[in-house]
Amino acid sequence: MLLEQIRKVFDAGGLSSASIVATGWRFHVVVDTKAGGQVVLTRHSDNQVRFFSDPGTAIKLLHDVGFREITVDTKGWNAGQAELSSQ
């Protein structure tokens, strides 16, 4: 789901929570809908998952949308992979 769509659904009251999920050295945003589903934030350019190297950027984005409580899931975090990707 694009950021603009997440904003609209949030403003309409259709989202219940937001999470930042680590995958390797990157993070992505997952939001839960009140209907029981989950959606992932995607890039506008190609509709692929939007990844963040800095979780603070994702937190700011979700705060700007209106979320005041955000879960951060670091189970899949491996900061060492960033070094491998830059080589």
N, C-alpha and C. Protein backbone atom coordinates (compact mmCIF):
# COMPACT_ATOMS: atom_id res chain seq x y z
N MET A 1 0.86 -1.16 0.00
CA MET A 1 0.00 0.00 0.00
C MET A 1 0.90 1.23 0.00
N LEU A 2 0.57 2.18 -0.80
CA LEU A 2 1.34 3.42 -0.88
C LEU A 2 1.10 4.29 0.36
N LEU A 3 2.05 5.16 0.64
CA LEU A 3 1.94 6.04 1.80
C LEU A 3 0.66 6.86 1.76
N GLU A 4 0.32 7.39 0.60
CA GLU A 4 -0.90 8.21 0.48
C GLU A 4 -2.13 7.39 0.84
N GLN A 5 -2.14 6.12 0.45
CA GLN A 5 -3.27 5.25 0.77
C GLN A 5 -3.33 4.95 2.26
N ILE A 6 -2.17 4.73 2.87
CA ILE A 6 -2.13 4.48 4.31
C ILE A 6 -2.66 5.70 5.06
N ARG A 7 -2.27 6.90 4.63
CA ARG A 7 -2.78 8.13 5.26
C ARG A 7 -4.30 8.20 5.18
N LYS A 8 -4.85 7.91 4.00
CA LYS A 8 -6.30 8.00 3.81
C LYS A 8 -7.03 6.98 4.68
N VAL A 9 -6.53 5.74 4.70
CA VAL A 9 -7.19 4.70 5.50
C VAL A 9 -7.05 5.03 6.99
N PHE A 10 -5.90 5.54 7.41
CA PHE A 10 -5.72 5.94 8.80
C PHE A 10 -6.72 7.05 9.15
N ASP A 11 -6.80 8.08 8.30
CA ASP A 11 -7.71 9.19 8.56
C ASP A 11 -9.17 8.74 8.62
N ALA A 12 -9.50 7.69 7.87
CA ALA A 12 -10.86 7.16 7.87
C ALA A 12 -11.12 6.22 9.05
N GLY A 13 -10.06 5.95 9.84
CA GLY A 13 -10.22 5.10 11.02
C GLY A 13 -10.09 3.61 10.73
N GLY A 14 -9.50 3.26 9.60
CA GLY A 14 -9.44 1.86 9.21
C GLY A 14 -8.20 1.09 9.62
N LEU A 15 -7.27 1.74 10.33
CA LEU A 15 -6.05 1.05 10.74
C LEU A 15 -6.00 0.95 12.26
N SER A 16 -5.49 -0.18 12.74
CA SER A 16 -5.47 -0.39 14.19
C SER A 16 -4.09 -0.27 14.81
N SER A 17 -3.03 -0.62 14.07
CA SER A 17 -1.69 -0.54 14.64
C SER A 17 -0.64 -0.53 13.53
N ALA A 18 0.59 -0.19 13.93
CA ALA A 18 1.69 -0.16 12.97
C ALA A 18 2.93 -0.79 13.59
N SER A 19 3.71 -1.45 12.74
CA SER A 19 4.94 -2.08 13.18
C SER A 19 6.06 -1.77 12.20
N ILE A 20 7.26 -1.73 12.74
CA ILE A 20 8.46 -1.66 11.92
C ILE A 20 9.15 -2.99 12.11
N VAL A 21 9.39 -3.69 11.01
CA VAL A 21 9.90 -5.06 11.05
C VAL A 21 11.28 -5.11 10.41
N ALA A 22 12.23 -5.68 11.14
CA ALA A 22 13.59 -5.83 10.62
C ALA A 22 13.70 -7.09 9.77
N THR A 23 14.41 -6.94 8.65
CA THR A 23 14.75 -8.05 7.78
C THR A 23 16.20 -7.84 7.38
N GLY A 24 17.09 -8.62 7.95
CA GLY A 24 18.51 -8.39 7.71
C GLY A 24 18.91 -7.07 8.32
N TRP A 25 19.47 -6.19 7.52
CA TRP A 25 19.90 -4.87 8.01
C TRP A 25 18.89 -3.78 7.67
N ARG A 26 17.78 -4.15 7.03
CA ARG A 26 16.78 -3.16 6.63
C ARG A 26 15.49 -3.33 7.42
N PHE A 27 14.64 -2.34 7.32
CA PHE A 27 13.37 -2.32 8.03
C PHE A 27 12.25 -1.99 7.05
N HIS A 28 11.06 -2.55 7.30
CA HIS A 28 9.89 -2.18 6.51
C HIS A 28 8.70 -1.97 7.44
N VAL A 29 7.68 -1.34 6.92
CA VAL A 29 6.49 -0.96 7.70
C VAL A 29 5.34 -1.91 7.38
N VAL A 30 4.70 -2.41 8.44
CA VAL A 30 3.50 -3.23 8.32
C VAL A 30 2.41 -2.58 9.16
N VAL A 31 1.24 -2.41 8.58
CA VAL A 31 0.12 -1.85 9.33
C VAL A 31 -1.02 -2.86 9.37
N ASP A 32 -1.69 -2.91 10.51
CA ASP A 32 -2.83 -3.80 10.70
C ASP A 32 -4.11 -3.02 10.46
N THR A 33 -5.02 -3.63 9.72
CA THR A 33 -6.30 -3.00 9.47
C THR A 33 -7.31 -3.44 10.52
N LYS A 34 -8.31 -2.64 10.72
CA LYS A 34 -9.36 -2.99 11.67
C LYS A 34 -10.19 -4.16 11.17
N ALA A 35 -10.11 -4.44 9.87
CA ALA A 35 -10.82 -5.59 9.30
C ALA A 35 -10.06 -6.90 9.52
N GLY A 36 -8.86 -6.81 10.12
CA GLY A 36 -8.11 -8.01 10.45
C GLY A 36 -6.97 -8.35 9.50
N GLY A 37 -6.75 -7.54 8.49
CA GLY A 37 -5.67 -7.81 7.55
C GLY A 37 -4.42 -7.02 7.88
N GLN A 38 -3.38 -7.27 7.11
CA GLN A 38 -2.14 -6.52 7.23
C GLN A 38 -1.75 -6.02 5.85
N VAL A 39 -1.15 -4.84 5.81
CA VAL A 39 -0.62 -4.30 4.57
C VAL A 39 0.80 -3.80 4.81
N VAL A 40 1.58 -3.82 3.76
CA VAL A 40 2.98 -3.40 3.81
C VAL A 40 3.11 -2.11 3.01
N LEU A 41 3.89 -1.17 3.54
CA LEU A 41 4.17 0.07 2.82
C LEU A 41 5.01 -0.23 1.59
N THR A 42 4.59 0.29 0.44
CA THR A 42 5.30 0.06 -0.81
C THR A 42 5.78 1.37 -1.42
N ARG A 43 6.74 1.23 -2.34
CA ARG A 43 7.26 2.39 -3.06
C ARG A 43 6.30 2.78 -4.16
N HIS A 44 6.23 4.06 -4.42
CA HIS A 44 5.36 4.56 -5.46
C HIS A 44 5.86 4.17 -6.85
N SER A 45 7.18 4.13 -7.01
CA SER A 45 7.76 3.92 -8.34
C SER A 45 7.47 2.55 -8.93
N ASP A 46 7.50 1.50 -8.09
CA ASP A 46 7.33 0.16 -8.64
C ASP A 46 6.46 -0.76 -7.78
N ASN A 47 5.84 -0.22 -6.77
CA ASN A 47 4.93 -0.97 -5.89
C ASN A 47 5.61 -2.12 -5.15
N GLN A 48 6.94 -2.05 -4.98
CA GLN A 48 7.68 -3.03 -4.21
C GLN A 48 7.77 -2.55 -2.76
N VAL A 49 8.12 -3.44 -1.86
CA VAL A 49 8.24 -3.09 -0.44
C VAL A 49 9.22 -1.93 -0.29
N ARG A 50 8.82 -0.94 0.50
CA ARG A 50 9.70 0.19 0.79
C ARG A 50 10.54 -0.15 2.02
N PHE A 51 11.85 -0.24 1.82
CA PHE A 51 12.76 -0.56 2.91
C PHE A 51 13.45 0.70 3.42
N PHE A 52 13.81 0.66 4.69
CA PHE A 52 14.53 1.75 5.34
C PHE A 52 15.79 1.19 5.96
N SER A 53 16.91 1.87 5.79
CA SER A 53 18.14 1.45 6.47
C SER A 53 18.19 2.00 7.89
N ASP A 54 17.41 3.06 8.13
CA ASP A 54 17.35 3.70 9.45
C ASP A 54 15.93 3.58 9.98
N PRO A 55 15.71 2.82 11.06
CA PRO A 55 14.35 2.68 11.58
C PRO A 55 13.77 4.01 12.06
N GLY A 56 14.62 4.96 12.41
CA GLY A 56 14.13 6.27 12.83
C GLY A 56 13.35 6.98 11.73
N THR A 57 13.75 6.77 10.49
CA THR A 57 13.02 7.36 9.36
C THR A 57 11.62 6.77 9.26
N ALA A 58 11.52 5.46 9.46
CA ALA A 58 10.21 4.81 9.42
C ALA A 58 9.34 5.27 10.59
N ILE A 59 9.94 5.43 11.77
CA ILE A 59 9.19 5.92 12.93
C ILE A 59 8.65 7.31 12.66
N LYS A 60 9.46 8.20 12.11
CA LYS A 60 9.01 9.55 11.80
C LYS A 60 7.87 9.53 10.80
N LEU A 61 7.99 8.70 9.78
CA LEU A 61 6.95 8.60 8.76
C LEU A 61 5.62 8.17 9.39
N LEU A 62 5.67 7.13 10.24
CA LEU A 62 4.44 6.66 10.88
C LEU A 62 3.88 7.68 11.85
N HIS A 63 4.75 8.39 12.53
CA HIS A 63 4.30 9.45 13.44
C HIS A 63 3.60 10.55 12.64
N ASP A 64 4.16 10.90 11.49
CA ASP A 64 3.55 11.92 10.63
C ASP A 64 2.18 11.49 10.13
N VAL A 65 1.99 10.18 9.92
CA VAL A 65 0.68 9.67 9.51
C VAL A 65 -0.33 9.85 10.65
N GLY A 66 0.14 9.70 11.89
CA GLY A 66 -0.75 9.85 13.04
C GLY A 66 -0.61 8.77 14.09
N PHE A 67 0.19 7.75 13.82
CA PHE A 67 0.38 6.69 14.81
C PHE A 67 1.17 7.23 15.99
N ARG A 68 0.76 6.89 17.19
CA ARG A 68 1.46 7.33 18.40
C ARG A 68 2.08 6.17 19.16
N GLU A 69 1.68 4.95 18.84
CA GLU A 69 2.31 3.75 19.38
C GLU A 69 2.71 2.88 18.21
N ILE A 70 4.00 2.53 18.17
CA ILE A 70 4.55 1.76 17.06
C ILE A 70 5.36 0.62 17.65
N THR A 71 5.14 -0.58 17.16
CA THR A 71 5.90 -1.75 17.58
C THR A 71 7.11 -1.90 16.67
N VAL A 72 8.25 -2.25 17.25
CA VAL A 72 9.46 -2.52 16.47
C VAL A 72 9.84 -3.98 16.70
N ASP A 73 9.85 -4.76 15.62
CA ASP A 73 10.16 -6.18 15.68
C ASP A 73 11.57 -6.38 15.14
N THR A 74 12.51 -6.73 16.02
CA THR A 74 13.90 -6.89 15.61
C THR A 74 14.34 -8.36 15.54
N LYS A 75 13.39 -9.29 15.56
CA LYS A 75 13.75 -10.71 15.51
C LYS A 75 14.59 -11.02 14.27
N GLY A 76 14.29 -10.42 13.16
CA GLY A 76 15.00 -10.71 11.92
C GLY A 76 16.16 -9.78 11.63
N TRP A 77 16.57 -8.99 12.62
CA TRP A 77 17.61 -7.98 12.40
C TRP A 77 19.00 -8.61 12.44
N ASN A 78 19.79 -8.27 11.45
CA ASN A 78 21.19 -8.69 11.39
C ASN A 78 21.98 -7.52 10.85
N ALA A 79 22.40 -6.64 11.74
CA ALA A 79 23.09 -5.42 11.33
C ALA A 79 24.35 -5.71 10.53
N GLY A 80 24.97 -6.85 10.75
CA GLY A 80 26.17 -7.21 10.02
C GLY A 80 25.96 -7.38 8.53
N GLN A 81 24.74 -7.62 8.11
CA GLN A 81 24.46 -7.77 6.68
C GLN A 81 24.68 -6.46 5.92
N ALA A 82 24.58 -5.33 6.60
CA ALA A 82 24.82 -4.04 5.93
C ALA A 82 26.24 -3.98 5.43
N GLU A 83 27.18 -4.49 6.22
CA GLU A 83 28.57 -4.50 5.81
C GLU A 83 28.77 -5.37 4.58
N LEU A 84 28.08 -6.48 4.51
CA LEU A 84 28.20 -7.38 3.37
C LEU A 84 27.63 -6.75 2.11
N SER A 85 26.53 -6.02 2.25
CA SER A 85 25.89 -5.42 1.08
C SER A 85 26.67 -4.27 0.51
N SER A 86 27.52 -3.64 1.31
CA SER A 86 28.28 -2.49 0.82
C SER A 86 29.64 -2.90 0.22
N GLN A 87 29.96 -4.18 0.29
CA GLN A 87 31.26 -4.65 -0.25
C GLN A 87 31.15 -5.00 -1.71
